[in-house]
Every structure is written in structure tokens, then in C-alpha cells.
N, C-alpha and C. Protein backbone atom coordinates (compact mmCIF):
# COMPACT_ATOMS: atom_id res chain seq x y z
N MET A 1 80.42 143.81 99.88
CA MET A 1 81.90 143.33 99.76
C MET A 1 82.19 142.16 100.39
N LEU A 2 82.78 141.57 99.65
CA LEU A 2 83.40 140.00 99.97
C LEU A 2 84.63 140.01 100.84
N TYR A 3 85.38 141.01 101.26
CA TYR A 3 86.49 141.50 101.66
C TYR A 3 86.29 142.64 102.44
N ASP A 4 87.03 142.68 103.41
CA ASP A 4 87.40 143.65 104.96
C ASP A 4 88.61 144.44 104.33
N VAL A 5 88.75 145.67 103.87
CA VAL A 5 89.69 146.60 103.15
C VAL A 5 90.05 147.24 104.24
N PRO A 6 90.89 147.23 105.06
CA PRO A 6 91.55 148.22 106.02
C PRO A 6 92.24 149.37 105.52
N GLY A 7 91.42 150.39 105.87
CA GLY A 7 91.84 151.72 105.53
C GLY A 7 91.12 152.12 104.76
N ALA A 8 89.67 151.65 104.27
CA ALA A 8 88.80 151.54 102.65
C ALA A 8 88.08 152.73 103.36
N VAL A 9 87.74 153.56 102.75
CA VAL A 9 86.52 154.57 102.91
C VAL A 9 85.25 154.32 101.94
N TYR A 10 84.12 154.32 102.44
CA TYR A 10 83.16 154.09 101.54
C TYR A 10 82.32 155.39 101.41
N THR A 11 81.91 155.89 100.63
CA THR A 11 80.95 157.03 100.45
C THR A 11 79.80 156.68 99.79
N PRO A 12 78.63 156.63 100.34
CA PRO A 12 77.64 156.01 99.66
C PRO A 12 76.98 157.31 99.00
N SER A 13 76.20 157.28 98.00
CA SER A 13 75.22 157.83 97.17
C SER A 13 74.46 157.68 96.58
N GLY A 14 73.22 158.40 96.23
CA GLY A 14 71.72 158.27 95.62
C GLY A 14 71.33 157.32 96.71
N THR A 15 69.75 157.36 96.37
CA THR A 15 69.02 156.32 97.06
C THR A 15 67.92 155.54 96.04
N GLY A 16 67.60 154.41 97.13
CA GLY A 16 66.83 153.40 96.04
C GLY A 16 67.63 152.40 94.97
N ALA A 17 67.18 152.57 93.78
CA ALA A 17 68.08 151.64 92.72
C ALA A 17 68.94 152.65 92.52
N ASP A 18 69.02 153.60 92.41
CA ASP A 18 70.18 154.50 92.06
C ASP A 18 71.40 154.74 93.19
N ALA A 19 71.30 154.01 94.54
CA ALA A 19 72.31 153.83 95.46
C ALA A 19 73.57 153.00 95.39
N SER A 20 74.73 153.67 95.39
CA SER A 20 75.83 153.06 95.06
C SER A 20 76.62 153.68 96.32
N SER A 21 78.12 153.27 96.12
CA SER A 21 79.21 153.85 97.22
C SER A 21 80.62 153.73 96.48
N THR A 22 81.28 155.24 96.62
CA THR A 22 82.61 155.22 96.05
C THR A 22 83.62 154.37 97.23
N MET A 23 84.78 153.92 96.90
CA MET A 23 85.66 153.56 98.03
C MET A 23 86.84 154.12 97.44
N SER A 24 87.39 154.79 98.77
CA SER A 24 88.51 155.57 98.32
C SER A 24 89.86 155.57 99.64
N GLY A 25 90.84 155.63 99.63
CA GLY A 25 91.89 155.36 100.69
C GLY A 25 92.86 154.06 100.35
N SER A 26 92.21 153.05 100.26
CA SER A 26 92.46 151.83 100.21
C SER A 26 91.86 150.74 99.50
N TYR A 27 92.38 150.31 98.61
CA TYR A 27 91.58 149.12 97.76
C TYR A 27 91.85 147.85 97.38
N LEU A 28 90.72 147.12 96.79
CA LEU A 28 91.05 145.67 97.02
C LEU A 28 92.10 145.33 96.09
N VAL A 29 92.61 145.97 95.05
CA VAL A 29 93.47 145.32 94.12
C VAL A 29 94.21 146.63 93.93
N ASN A 30 95.53 146.49 94.46
CA ASN A 30 96.38 147.61 94.29
C ASN A 30 96.64 147.82 92.86
N THR A 31 97.11 148.72 92.56
CA THR A 31 97.85 149.32 91.03
C THR A 31 98.40 148.40 90.53
N ASP A 32 99.16 147.24 91.02
CA ASP A 32 99.76 146.18 90.33
C ASP A 32 99.27 145.01 89.98
N GLY A 33 97.82 145.33 90.06
CA GLY A 33 97.04 144.25 89.72
C GLY A 33 96.76 143.03 90.75
N LYS A 34 97.52 143.18 92.18
CA LYS A 34 97.60 142.00 92.88
C LYS A 34 96.54 142.61 94.22
N LEU A 35 95.95 141.55 94.64
CA LEU A 35 95.23 141.78 95.81
C LEU A 35 95.43 142.10 96.98
N ASN A 36 95.02 143.26 97.37
CA ASN A 36 95.79 143.80 98.50
C ASN A 36 95.98 143.08 99.83
N PRO A 37 97.35 142.81 99.99
CA PRO A 37 97.60 141.97 101.32
C PRO A 37 97.07 141.79 102.22
N ASN A 38 96.46 143.16 102.90
CA ASN A 38 95.46 143.60 103.72
C ASN A 38 94.34 143.08 103.79
N ALA A 39 93.99 142.73 102.66
CA ALA A 39 92.61 142.41 102.62
C ALA A 39 91.96 140.95 103.20
N ARG A 40 91.15 141.47 104.08
CA ARG A 40 90.55 139.87 104.68
C ARG A 40 89.30 139.44 104.41
N LEU A 41 89.29 138.14 103.67
CA LEU A 41 87.94 137.56 103.16
C LEU A 41 86.97 137.24 104.27
N LEU A 42 85.69 137.76 103.90
CA LEU A 42 84.53 137.69 104.98
C LEU A 42 84.04 136.37 105.17
N PHE A 43 84.46 135.28 104.23
CA PHE A 43 83.97 134.11 104.81
C PHE A 43 85.06 132.71 103.95
N SER A 44 84.59 131.68 104.18
CA SER A 44 85.56 130.72 103.61
C SER A 44 85.26 130.73 102.20
N ASP A 45 86.41 130.81 101.54
CA ASP A 45 86.30 130.72 99.83
C ASP A 45 86.08 129.30 99.37
N ARG A 46 86.05 128.31 100.29
CA ARG A 46 86.08 127.21 100.15
C ARG A 46 84.82 126.37 99.90
N TYR A 47 84.10 125.97 98.83
CA TYR A 47 82.65 125.21 98.90
C TYR A 47 82.44 124.36 99.90
N ASP A 48 83.48 123.42 99.33
CA ASP A 48 83.65 122.01 99.63
C ASP A 48 83.69 121.98 101.67
N ASP A 49 83.91 123.05 102.15
CA ASP A 49 83.69 123.01 103.55
C ASP A 49 82.16 123.27 103.66
N TYR A 50 81.47 123.66 102.92
CA TYR A 50 79.84 123.56 103.28
C TYR A 50 79.19 122.45 102.77
N LEU A 51 79.87 121.58 101.63
CA LEU A 51 79.17 120.72 100.96
C LEU A 51 79.74 119.50 101.23
N LEU A 52 80.58 119.16 101.36
CA LEU A 52 81.70 118.09 101.51
C LEU A 52 81.79 117.82 103.29
N GLU A 53 82.10 116.14 103.41
CA GLU A 53 82.83 116.39 104.91
C GLU A 53 83.29 114.86 104.52
N ASN A 54 84.33 114.58 105.53
CA ASN A 54 85.12 113.61 105.71
C ASN A 54 84.12 112.53 106.32
N ARG A 55 84.21 111.33 105.99
CA ARG A 55 83.19 110.36 106.95
C ARG A 55 83.84 109.27 106.40
N LEU A 56 83.40 107.80 107.22
CA LEU A 56 84.42 106.35 107.43
C LEU A 56 83.47 105.74 106.56
N ARG A 57 83.89 104.63 105.46
CA ARG A 57 83.53 103.88 104.64
C ARG A 57 83.87 102.70 105.41
N GLN A 58 82.80 101.69 105.54
CA GLN A 58 82.78 100.42 106.23
C GLN A 58 82.45 99.28 105.04
N ASP A 59 83.14 98.36 104.83
CA ASP A 59 82.62 97.35 103.93
C ASP A 59 83.23 95.89 104.66
N TYR A 60 82.43 94.96 104.81
CA TYR A 60 82.65 93.67 105.79
C TYR A 60 82.24 92.43 104.71
N ASP A 61 82.65 91.48 104.24
CA ASP A 61 82.23 90.48 103.98
C ASP A 61 82.77 89.25 104.62
N LEU A 62 81.63 88.09 104.41
CA LEU A 62 82.27 87.04 105.41
C LEU A 62 82.30 86.01 104.35
N SER A 63 82.69 85.03 104.35
CA SER A 63 82.04 83.72 103.63
C SER A 63 82.70 82.24 104.04
N ALA A 64 82.32 81.38 103.78
CA ALA A 64 82.62 80.08 104.28
C ALA A 64 82.24 78.43 103.34
N SER A 65 82.74 78.12 103.06
CA SER A 65 82.73 76.92 102.23
C SER A 65 83.34 75.33 102.45
N GLY A 66 82.47 74.50 101.90
CA GLY A 66 83.12 73.32 102.57
C GLY A 66 82.42 72.03 101.70
N GLY A 67 82.55 70.76 102.19
CA GLY A 67 81.71 69.84 101.59
C GLY A 67 82.73 68.69 101.74
N ASN A 68 82.49 67.62 100.70
CA ASN A 68 83.04 66.34 100.07
C ASN A 68 82.77 66.12 98.79
N GLU A 69 82.83 64.65 98.16
CA GLU A 69 83.00 64.55 97.08
C GLU A 69 81.44 64.22 96.63
N LYS A 70 80.46 64.42 97.94
CA LYS A 70 78.95 64.14 97.50
C LYS A 70 78.26 65.44 97.37
N VAL A 71 78.47 66.28 98.00
CA VAL A 71 77.59 67.46 98.81
C VAL A 71 78.66 68.21 98.84
N SER A 72 78.53 69.57 98.72
CA SER A 72 79.53 71.41 98.90
C SER A 72 78.40 71.99 99.17
N TYR A 73 78.60 72.98 99.77
CA TYR A 73 78.22 74.55 99.97
C TYR A 73 79.25 75.65 100.00
N PHE A 74 78.60 76.94 99.88
CA PHE A 74 79.00 78.06 99.71
C PHE A 74 78.14 79.09 100.64
N LEU A 75 78.29 79.85 101.72
CA LEU A 75 77.77 80.91 102.22
C LEU A 75 78.44 82.22 102.05
N SER A 76 77.61 83.24 102.15
CA SER A 76 78.75 84.53 102.32
C SER A 76 77.33 85.59 102.44
N GLY A 77 77.99 86.55 103.49
CA GLY A 77 77.31 87.71 103.61
C GLY A 77 78.04 88.90 103.85
N GLY A 78 77.64 90.08 103.26
CA GLY A 78 78.27 90.77 103.41
C GLY A 78 77.18 92.68 103.91
N TYR A 79 78.09 93.44 104.25
CA TYR A 79 77.44 94.76 104.68
C TYR A 79 78.32 95.99 104.27
N LEU A 80 77.85 96.72 103.72
CA LEU A 80 78.68 98.20 103.29
C LEU A 80 77.73 99.27 103.74
N GLU A 81 78.64 100.41 104.59
CA GLU A 81 77.54 101.72 104.69
C GLU A 81 78.54 102.58 104.27
N ASP A 82 78.55 103.50 103.08
CA ASP A 82 78.98 104.44 102.57
C ASP A 82 78.26 105.50 102.86
N PRO A 83 78.64 106.43 103.80
CA PRO A 83 77.63 107.56 104.28
C PRO A 83 78.54 108.73 103.29
N SER A 84 79.42 108.41 102.47
CA SER A 84 79.44 109.57 101.20
C SER A 84 80.04 110.93 101.85
N TYR A 85 80.75 111.44 101.12
CA TYR A 85 81.35 112.64 101.37
C TYR A 85 80.72 113.91 101.17
N ILE A 86 79.56 113.64 100.36
CA ILE A 86 78.36 114.69 99.84
C ILE A 86 77.78 114.94 100.99
N ARG A 87 77.46 116.10 101.85
CA ARG A 87 76.36 116.22 102.91
C ARG A 87 74.97 115.65 102.66
N GLY A 88 74.41 114.99 103.18
CA GLY A 88 73.06 114.66 103.04
C GLY A 88 72.65 113.57 102.15
N SER A 89 74.05 112.56 101.81
CA SER A 89 74.07 111.53 101.07
C SER A 89 74.28 110.21 102.10
N SER A 90 74.16 109.21 101.55
CA SER A 90 74.54 107.85 101.95
C SER A 90 73.88 106.78 101.56
N PHE A 91 74.76 105.35 101.94
CA PHE A 91 74.32 104.49 100.98
C PHE A 91 74.80 103.33 101.88
N LYS A 92 73.48 102.19 102.31
CA LYS A 92 73.78 100.94 103.16
C LYS A 92 73.48 100.10 102.28
N ARG A 93 74.08 98.62 102.25
CA ARG A 93 73.70 97.50 101.64
C ARG A 93 74.15 96.44 102.63
N TYR A 94 72.84 95.24 102.66
CA TYR A 94 73.19 93.97 103.69
C TYR A 94 72.97 93.49 102.14
N ASN A 95 73.83 92.20 102.48
CA ASN A 95 73.56 90.88 101.29
C ASN A 95 73.88 89.83 101.31
N GLY A 96 73.34 88.64 101.19
CA GLY A 96 73.66 87.21 101.69
C GLY A 96 73.51 86.53 100.29
N ARG A 97 74.41 85.22 100.38
CA ARG A 97 73.93 84.29 99.35
C ARG A 97 74.49 82.69 99.89
N ALA A 98 73.73 81.67 99.26
CA ALA A 98 74.04 80.49 99.82
C ALA A 98 74.09 79.89 98.78
N ASN A 99 74.78 78.56 98.60
CA ASN A 99 74.57 77.70 97.63
C ASN A 99 75.00 76.69 97.96
N PHE A 100 74.20 75.43 97.61
CA PHE A 100 74.41 74.03 98.07
C PHE A 100 74.31 73.10 96.69
N ASP A 101 74.73 72.04 96.80
CA ASP A 101 75.03 71.44 95.60
C ASP A 101 75.32 69.80 96.09
N ALA A 102 74.45 68.54 95.48
CA ALA A 102 74.54 67.47 96.07
C ALA A 102 74.19 66.46 94.79
N GLN A 103 75.39 65.83 94.50
CA GLN A 103 75.68 64.82 93.74
C GLN A 103 74.65 63.53 94.26
N VAL A 104 73.77 63.12 93.84
CA VAL A 104 72.85 62.13 94.13
C VAL A 104 73.21 61.02 93.81
N ASN A 105 73.53 60.64 92.55
CA ASN A 105 74.23 59.51 91.93
C ASN A 105 74.97 59.83 90.79
N THR A 106 75.59 59.15 89.68
CA THR A 106 76.27 59.25 88.82
C THR A 106 75.57 60.32 88.04
N TRP A 107 74.39 60.36 87.21
CA TRP A 107 73.80 60.99 86.50
C TRP A 107 72.91 62.09 87.00
N LEU A 108 72.83 62.35 88.16
CA LEU A 108 71.89 63.43 88.86
C LEU A 108 72.76 64.29 89.93
N LYS A 109 72.59 65.38 89.85
CA LYS A 109 73.44 66.67 90.54
C LYS A 109 72.09 67.50 91.18
N LEU A 110 72.04 67.64 92.17
CA LEU A 110 70.80 68.84 92.39
C LEU A 110 71.46 70.12 93.45
N GLY A 111 71.02 71.03 93.01
CA GLY A 111 71.33 72.45 93.74
C GLY A 111 70.77 73.20 93.89
N ALA A 112 70.82 74.15 94.83
CA ALA A 112 70.04 75.44 95.23
C ALA A 112 71.17 76.74 95.31
N ASN A 113 70.32 77.79 94.89
CA ASN A 113 71.11 79.10 95.15
C ASN A 113 70.19 79.84 95.36
N ILE A 114 70.36 80.63 96.55
CA ILE A 114 69.43 81.92 96.66
C ILE A 114 70.36 83.30 97.15
N GLY A 115 70.05 84.13 96.87
CA GLY A 115 70.41 85.33 97.38
C GLY A 115 69.70 86.40 97.85
N TYR A 116 70.15 87.40 98.42
CA TYR A 116 69.31 88.35 99.21
C TYR A 116 70.29 89.83 99.22
N SER A 117 69.52 90.90 99.01
CA SER A 117 70.25 92.06 99.04
C SER A 117 68.88 93.01 99.44
N ASN A 118 69.50 94.11 100.34
CA ASN A 118 68.79 94.96 100.88
C ASN A 118 69.78 96.31 100.75
N ARG A 119 68.98 97.60 100.17
CA ARG A 119 69.67 98.93 100.14
C ARG A 119 69.00 99.82 100.60
N THR A 120 69.82 100.65 101.48
CA THR A 120 68.82 102.32 101.37
C THR A 120 70.02 103.24 101.03
N THR A 121 69.35 104.36 100.20
CA THR A 121 69.84 104.90 99.84
C THR A 121 69.41 106.58 100.25
N GLN A 122 70.50 107.60 100.08
CA GLN A 122 69.80 108.55 100.79
C GLN A 122 70.57 109.86 99.89
N SER A 123 69.99 110.52 98.95
CA SER A 123 70.89 111.50 98.27
C SER A 123 70.34 112.80 98.33
N PRO A 124 70.80 113.95 97.76
CA PRO A 124 70.14 115.23 97.89
C PRO A 124 69.16 115.75 96.91
N ALA A 125 68.60 116.07 97.16
CA ALA A 125 67.21 116.12 96.47
C ALA A 125 67.71 116.92 95.04
N THR A 126 67.23 116.62 94.19
CA THR A 126 67.91 116.94 92.76
C THR A 126 66.35 116.76 91.79
N ARG A 127 66.80 117.23 90.74
CA ARG A 127 65.56 117.41 89.30
C ARG A 127 65.61 115.94 89.19
N PHE A 128 64.08 115.58 89.26
CA PHE A 128 63.14 114.23 88.76
C PHE A 128 64.31 113.10 89.93
N GLY A 129 64.50 113.41 91.14
CA GLY A 129 65.00 112.67 92.34
C GLY A 129 66.38 112.18 91.90
N ARG A 130 66.83 112.25 90.89
CA ARG A 130 68.31 111.85 90.37
C ARG A 130 69.33 112.86 90.19
N ASN A 131 70.88 112.54 90.28
CA ASN A 131 71.79 113.21 89.43
C ASN A 131 71.92 113.46 88.43
N PRO A 132 71.51 114.31 87.82
CA PRO A 132 71.38 114.59 86.07
C PRO A 132 72.55 115.14 85.73
N GLY A 133 73.58 115.99 86.64
CA GLY A 133 75.11 116.37 85.88
C GLY A 133 74.82 117.65 85.22
N SER A 134 73.65 118.49 85.88
CA SER A 134 73.87 119.71 85.29
C SER A 134 74.98 120.44 86.55
N SER A 135 74.89 121.37 86.05
CA SER A 135 75.88 122.07 87.07
C SER A 135 75.14 122.83 88.25
N THR A 136 73.76 122.71 88.61
CA THR A 136 72.64 123.29 89.18
C THR A 136 72.93 122.17 90.52
N ALA A 137 73.23 120.73 89.58
CA ALA A 137 72.71 119.53 90.54
C ALA A 137 73.86 118.74 90.95
N ASN A 138 74.77 119.18 90.15
CA ASN A 138 76.16 117.92 90.59
C ASN A 138 76.97 118.84 91.46
N VAL A 139 77.06 118.56 92.37
CA VAL A 139 78.14 118.88 93.53
C VAL A 139 79.56 119.37 93.27
N PHE A 140 79.99 118.59 92.65
CA PHE A 140 81.43 118.50 91.82
C PHE A 140 81.45 119.76 90.90
N ARG A 141 80.94 119.93 90.06
CA ARG A 141 80.67 120.63 89.25
C ARG A 141 80.62 122.17 89.52
N PHE A 142 79.56 122.09 90.70
CA PHE A 142 78.97 123.31 91.34
C PHE A 142 80.37 124.18 91.95
N ILE A 143 81.23 123.08 92.95
CA ILE A 143 82.26 123.54 93.89
C ILE A 143 83.59 124.05 92.82
N ASN A 144 83.71 123.36 91.43
CA ASN A 144 84.68 123.75 90.60
C ASN A 144 84.33 124.80 89.68
N GLY A 145 83.16 124.85 89.35
CA GLY A 145 82.82 126.04 88.54
C GLY A 145 82.24 127.44 88.98
N GLN A 146 82.35 127.46 90.34
CA GLN A 146 81.74 128.80 91.04
C GLN A 146 83.03 129.96 90.53
N ASN A 147 82.76 131.04 90.27
CA ASN A 147 83.49 132.13 90.51
C ASN A 147 84.07 132.53 92.20
N PRO A 148 85.43 132.90 91.94
CA PRO A 148 85.78 132.96 93.45
C PRO A 148 85.36 134.03 93.64
N TRP A 149 84.83 135.18 93.10
CA TRP A 149 84.80 136.29 93.38
C TRP A 149 82.96 136.32 94.06
N PHE A 150 82.68 135.29 93.67
CA PHE A 150 81.16 135.20 93.93
C PHE A 150 81.06 134.54 95.79
N SER A 151 80.39 134.94 96.22
CA SER A 151 80.54 134.40 98.06
C SER A 151 79.42 133.53 97.84
N CYS A 152 80.04 132.45 98.32
CA CYS A 152 79.52 131.07 98.57
C CYS A 152 78.72 131.16 99.77
N MET A 153 78.44 131.89 100.83
CA MET A 153 77.66 132.15 101.76
C MET A 153 76.56 132.57 101.04
N HIS A 154 76.72 133.48 100.03
CA HIS A 154 75.34 133.82 99.11
C HIS A 154 74.66 132.46 99.03
N VAL A 155 75.27 131.96 98.15
CA VAL A 155 74.83 130.68 97.52
C VAL A 155 74.37 129.69 98.86
N ILE A 156 74.71 129.43 99.59
CA ILE A 156 73.91 128.54 101.06
C ILE A 156 72.77 129.06 101.31
N ARG A 157 72.88 130.92 101.86
CA ARG A 157 71.57 131.40 101.90
C ARG A 157 70.71 131.23 101.03
N MET A 158 70.75 131.26 100.02
CA MET A 158 69.99 131.31 98.92
C MET A 158 69.34 129.55 98.85
N ALA A 159 70.18 128.70 99.30
CA ALA A 159 69.88 127.30 99.22
C ALA A 159 68.71 126.90 100.14
N HIS A 160 69.07 127.94 101.37
CA HIS A 160 67.94 127.75 102.91
C HIS A 160 67.07 128.57 102.65
């Protein structure tokens, strides 16, 4: 049972594969078709409580430029930390760039441009190491596509 129904009486019958029980006294769904207001859900029915979390995203960029009529430069650097709101997922990136230009004479201009980027990614294990978008691998489709009568705690226990 997914709910505790006060006043419900469960009478077991049968054994093994033929085991079942009969509910009497009070029921989960009343005769008007509405859920019994005294029924208490035995788990959180929000999958996002288990699969998502609130995290702080940080993104910093700094740049400097200058020069004169003969020489110019541009420097920039950045840092991005996106821990993601999907549990077990994160992304970090460091990047930098430098440009330098010099007008040597009227017909010759020299320049250099260099860039650097380093990233680290952690994502939940999925088929083929990426998120193919199927309902079993895409956390948003999973959260939005589940039957509310099916226990998410059952799903969480199956995953571990």
C-alpha cells in the first residue's frame, strides 16, 4: 500500500503466489470517487525531492584591453562552476584568451592570439555515457512521466 488508511482492515487470504488481502472498513477512494481525506501518503510523492537539488551557479569573467596607435592588447579570463540541479551532475570551466597586435610599419601588422579552456564534467551514468533522452535516462522525462500511484521510493530502492 502506498497510503495509510485509518480504519482500514486488511484480511489476508491464500498463500504463495495466490496470496492477497481484502480491505474493509475504510477505503482509499470514497464512493464519490475522491481520495479519502484521512489517507496519509507513506512517502514523498515528489520525485524531484530525490533527483533534484538547489545549487548555486557561479560565472566570473574579467577582461582588460588597451594600447596606443601602434600596439594593442586584449586579455580575458573566466571561471564557470555549474553544479547543476540534477543530483550527481556538475560542470566546471576555466578559460583564458590573449590578443596582441603591433603595427610595425605602414605595410606590416603583426598579431598573436592564444586561447585556453579546460572543463570538467560529471553527469549521471546513462547508456553510452551520454543522455540519449529516453524516459529511463532523462531525469525530467522520468519525473514528469511517472504514474503518481507508483511509489517513487520503490524506484529509488530499485536504482540502488
